[in-house]
Every structure is written in C-alpha cells, then in structure tokens.
Amino acid sequence: MTIEAWLVIISSIISLTGIATYIRDTIASRSKPNLVTWSLWAMAPFIGTAAALAAHQANLSTVRVFLAGFAPFLVVVTSLFNPKSYWKLTRFDFTCGAISVLAIIAWLGLGSTQWAVALAVAADGLALLPTLRKAWNFPETETGLTFLAGLISTIIVMPLIPRWDIENSAFQIYLLVANSLLVLFIYRKKLKFKK
C-alpha cells in the first residue's frame, strides 16, 4: 500500500473517531447539533460521491468524500432520536441553509470544474455559519474534540494535494480554516479569550 493510501486511511480513522465522540455527546445531550449545518454537510459529499461513481472516477479519495457525508448524516439521525439534543433553529439558520442549497443546485448545473468547486466550498461555508455562530455564543453545546480531529485529519491529507489550484486545494483549505475557527471558538474561554 502506498503512503498516500495510508494517509487517507489514517485521516479517515481520525475523522470517524471525532464524529463518534460527537455522536456520543449528542446521545448524552451534551452536544446540540444545528440540523441545518449537519444536514447540508451530509448532502454535498453524498452528491460528490454520486458524481464520482457516475463518472466512473471512484477511488480511495471517493471513500473519504463518502465518509465526509456519512458522518454528518449519522449526527443528524442521532439527534432526531434525542429531541433534547438538537439546537433550536432561527431565521439566520434557515437563510444560510437556503443559500447553501441554492449554491449546491448551481454547483450541480455548472460545466466548469473551478466554479463547481468554488460553489461547493461556498455551500459548505454557508452551512457552517449557523454552527460557527452557535460555537461562539454557546461553546458548551459543541464537542470541540470532533473539530480538532477534523483539523488534524485535514492537515494529514494536505501533502497529498497534487496541484495548488481551485479544483485540488480549495476544499482542503476551507476545511483547514473551518475546523480551526470551530476549535478556536469552542475553546476560546478555556484559552482565556474574551468576547
């Protein structure tokens, strides 16, 4: 097995461990996932996986993309079985979600790979905003270890980027920034940052 394959496997194990921690905390009502964010985080990778399969481009990285959707899907399902676990949604959440869905629809309709990737990142980023806002205001409702695992997982696969262009690096750079912000927001009080 190649070093690249090992890095993808290690990265996936770290990500799944982080998600398992989040699911555990969701069951215990310690984490309260924003269903708009987590639903959209599941949708885009599932679409990406389906597109790769339809184009006969499935490979080891497709497995990582599928897991990137399957893990949030598990969080959504878990939170639906525990009504005390999910976060009350606001107009802001629904607005971000609606714009994110429009970006996903535009992404699916584009013939340009660069624009498709840019819109996929934008959709994911808009889905992130409600959870980012919640993590800032109510960090105790999030499991920081999950996003720390996501950050480490992303760092592990960064050396695998073949070219630093939009198609190959934009989503990984976005994940690096998103997970860093979530970790910072969740742990800022423990790090003695003030509002």
Protein backbone atom coordinates (compact mmCIF):
# COMPACT_ATOMS: atom_id res chain seq x y z
CA MET A 1 0.00 0.00 0.00
CA THR A 2 1.29 3.50 -0.83
CA ILE A 3 1.99 6.27 1.67
CA GLU A 4 -0.88 8.23 0.11
CA ALA A 5 -3.32 5.41 0.83
CA TRP A 6 -2.07 5.18 4.43
CA LEU A 7 -2.52 8.93 4.92
CA VAL A 8 -6.12 8.73 3.62
CA ILE A 9 -6.85 5.77 5.91
CA ILE A 10 -5.29 7.47 8.98
CA SER A 11 -7.11 10.71 8.17
CA SER A 12 -10.43 8.84 7.85
CA ILE A 13 -9.93 7.00 11.15
CA ILE A 14 -9.21 10.27 12.95
CA SER A 15 -12.29 11.91 11.40
CA LEU A 16 -14.54 8.98 12.30
CA THR A 17 -13.20 8.97 15.87
CA GLY A 18 -14.07 12.67 16.16
CA ILE A 19 -17.57 12.06 14.80
CA ALA A 20 -18.08 9.09 17.15
CA THR A 21 -17.27 11.45 20.03
CA TYR A 22 -19.81 13.97 18.74
CA ILE A 23 -22.47 11.27 18.37
CA ARG A 24 -21.77 10.05 21.92
CA ASP A 25 -22.16 13.62 23.21
CA THR A 26 -25.33 14.11 21.14
CA ILE A 27 -26.88 10.98 22.66
CA ALA A 28 -25.97 12.31 26.11
CA SER A 29 -27.43 15.77 25.17
CA ARG A 30 -24.04 17.45 25.74
CA SER A 31 -23.71 18.41 22.07
CA LYS A 32 -26.64 20.05 20.35
CA PRO A 33 -26.08 19.89 16.60
CA ASN A 34 -27.55 22.52 14.33
CA LEU A 35 -29.60 20.38 11.94
CA VAL A 36 -29.27 22.86 9.06
CA THR A 37 -25.49 22.69 9.22
CA TRP A 38 -25.19 18.95 9.69
CA SER A 39 -27.81 18.09 7.04
CA LEU A 40 -26.07 20.21 4.43
CA TRP A 41 -22.67 18.87 5.47
CA ALA A 42 -24.06 15.42 4.63
CA MET A 43 -25.71 16.42 1.35
CA ALA A 44 -22.77 17.88 -0.60
CA PRO A 45 -20.37 14.93 -0.08
CA PHE A 46 -23.14 12.47 -0.98
CA ILE A 47 -23.69 14.37 -4.23
CA GLY A 48 -19.93 14.43 -4.83
CA THR A 49 -19.71 10.67 -4.25
CA ALA A 50 -22.61 10.01 -6.61
CA ALA A 51 -20.97 12.22 -9.26
CA ALA A 52 -17.65 10.34 -8.92
CA LEU A 53 -19.43 6.99 -9.22
CA ALA A 54 -21.46 8.15 -12.23
CA ALA A 55 -18.28 9.34 -13.95
CA HIS A 56 -16.51 6.06 -13.08
CA GLN A 57 -13.90 8.07 -11.13
CA ALA A 58 -14.34 6.31 -7.80
CA ASN A 59 -11.10 5.66 -5.89
CA LEU A 60 -9.77 5.76 -2.34
CA SER A 61 -10.36 9.51 -2.08
CA THR A 62 -14.02 8.89 -3.03
CA VAL A 63 -14.31 6.78 0.11
CA ARG A 64 -13.08 9.76 2.15
CA VAL A 65 -15.66 12.00 0.42
CA PHE A 66 -18.42 9.47 1.16
CA LEU A 67 -17.36 9.33 4.83
CA ALA A 68 -17.39 13.13 4.91
CA GLY A 69 -21.12 12.91 4.15
CA PHE A 70 -21.95 9.75 6.05
CA ALA A 71 -20.56 11.05 9.37
CA PRO A 72 -22.78 14.19 9.44
CA PHE A 73 -25.71 12.01 8.31
CA LEU A 74 -25.17 9.86 11.42
CA VAL A 75 -25.14 13.01 13.59
CA VAL A 76 -28.48 14.13 12.09
CA VAL A 77 -30.08 10.71 12.59
CA THR A 78 -28.78 10.50 16.16
CA SER A 79 -30.09 13.96 17.03
CA LEU A 80 -33.53 13.15 15.63
CA PHE A 81 -33.82 10.24 18.07
CA ASN A 82 -32.97 12.51 21.00
CA PRO A 83 -35.21 15.61 20.95
CA LYS A 84 -33.16 17.18 23.76
CA SER A 85 -30.05 17.10 21.62
CA TYR A 86 -30.72 19.40 18.70
CA TRP A 87 -30.39 23.15 18.57
CA LYS A 88 -33.37 25.45 18.09
CA LEU A 89 -33.22 26.81 14.55
CA THR A 90 -33.57 30.52 13.77
CA ARG A 91 -34.28 32.59 10.67
CA PHE A 92 -30.50 33.01 10.30
CA ASP A 93 -30.06 29.20 10.17
CA PHE A 94 -32.75 28.79 7.54
CA THR A 95 -31.40 31.70 5.45
CA CYS A 96 -27.88 30.22 5.45
CA GLY A 97 -29.35 26.81 4.65
CA ALA A 98 -31.45 28.12 1.75
CA ILE A 99 -28.50 29.97 0.20
CA SER A 100 -26.36 26.88 0.70
CA VAL A 101 -28.93 24.72 -1.11
CA LEU A 102 -29.02 27.25 -3.98
CA ALA A 103 -25.22 27.06 -4.20
CA ILE A 104 -25.41 23.25 -4.33
CA ILE A 105 -28.03 23.44 -7.13
CA ALA A 106 -25.82 25.89 -9.05
CA TRP A 107 -22.83 23.61 -8.44
CA LEU A 108 -24.71 20.65 -9.96
CA GLY A 109 -25.70 22.67 -13.03
CA LEU A 110 -22.27 24.04 -13.89
CA GLY A 111 -19.99 22.65 -16.52
CA SER A 112 -16.95 24.42 -15.07
CA THR A 113 -14.98 22.41 -12.54
CA GLN A 114 -13.49 25.54 -10.94
CA TRP A 115 -16.88 27.17 -10.44
CA ALA A 116 -18.39 23.91 -9.23
CA VAL A 117 -15.67 23.53 -6.57
CA ALA A 118 -15.95 27.19 -5.58
CA LEU A 119 -19.73 26.86 -5.16
CA ALA A 120 -19.37 23.60 -3.23
CA VAL A 121 -16.99 25.36 -0.83
CA ALA A 122 -19.39 28.32 -0.61
CA ALA A 123 -22.32 25.99 0.12
CA ASP A 124 -20.40 24.21 2.85
CA GLY A 125 -19.23 27.54 4.28
CA LEU A 126 -22.77 28.90 4.40
CA ALA A 127 -23.86 25.69 6.12
CA LEU A 128 -21.04 26.25 8.62
CA LEU A 129 -22.18 29.75 9.66
CA PRO A 130 -25.04 28.72 12.00
CA THR A 131 -22.78 26.29 13.88
CA LEU A 132 -19.93 28.81 13.94
CA ARG A 133 -22.28 31.40 15.45
CA LYS A 134 -23.55 28.87 17.99
CA ALA A 135 -20.00 27.80 18.87
CA TRP A 136 -19.10 31.42 19.61
CA ASN A 137 -22.18 32.15 21.74
CA PHE A 138 -22.70 28.72 23.32
CA PRO A 139 -19.42 26.75 23.09
CA GLU A 140 -20.65 24.28 25.69
CA THR A 141 -23.16 22.94 23.13
CA GLU A 142 -20.40 21.67 20.85
CA THR A 143 -17.81 18.90 21.09
CA GLY A 144 -14.50 20.56 20.34
CA LEU A 145 -12.67 17.26 20.02
CA THR A 146 -14.67 16.50 16.87
CA PHE A 147 -13.42 19.61 15.10
CA LEU A 148 -9.89 19.16 16.45
CA ALA A 149 -9.97 15.68 14.88
CA GLY A 150 -11.24 17.28 11.65
CA LEU A 151 -8.37 19.76 11.73
CA ILE A 152 -5.75 17.05 12.28
CA SER A 153 -7.36 14.88 9.61
CA THR A 154 -7.19 17.74 7.11
CA ILE A 155 -3.56 18.53 7.94
CA ILE A 156 -2.65 14.87 7.36
CA VAL A 157 -4.02 14.89 3.79
CA MET A 158 -2.70 18.34 2.80
CA PRO A 159 0.57 16.86 1.45
CA LEU A 160 -1.50 14.73 -0.95
CA ILE A 161 -2.73 17.78 -2.88
CA PRO A 162 -1.27 17.25 -6.36
CA ARG A 163 -1.60 20.88 -7.51
CA TRP A 164 -2.45 24.00 -5.57
CA ASP A 165 -5.33 25.10 -7.75
CA ILE A 166 -9.03 25.56 -7.04
CA GLU A 167 -10.01 22.04 -8.05
CA ASN A 168 -7.40 20.30 -5.91
CA SER A 169 -6.91 22.52 -2.89
CA ALA A 170 -9.88 24.84 -2.27
CA PHE A 171 -11.95 22.38 -0.25
CA GLN A 172 -9.00 21.25 1.87
CA ILE A 173 -8.02 24.88 2.59
CA TYR A 174 -11.63 25.63 3.52
CA LEU A 175 -11.70 22.60 5.89
CA LEU A 176 -8.47 23.81 7.49
CA VAL A 177 -9.97 27.26 8.12
CA ALA A 178 -13.42 25.98 9.17
CA ASN A 179 -12.10 23.44 11.68
CA SER A 180 -9.55 25.94 13.03
CA LEU A 181 -12.30 28.52 13.62
CA LEU A 182 -14.58 25.97 15.29
CA VAL A 183 -11.78 24.78 17.59
CA LEU A 184 -10.88 28.38 18.44
CA PHE A 185 -14.49 29.39 19.10
CA ILE A 186 -15.26 26.34 21.22
CA TYR A 187 -12.10 26.50 23.31
CA ARG A 188 -11.63 30.30 23.45
CA LYS A 189 -12.92 30.63 27.01
CA LYS A 190 -10.57 27.90 28.18
CA LEU A 191 -7.78 29.70 26.33
CA LYS A 192 -8.81 32.88 28.17
CA PHE A 193 -10.05 34.75 25.10
CA LYS A 194 -12.75 37.32 25.91
CA LYS A 195 -15.89 38.10 23.94
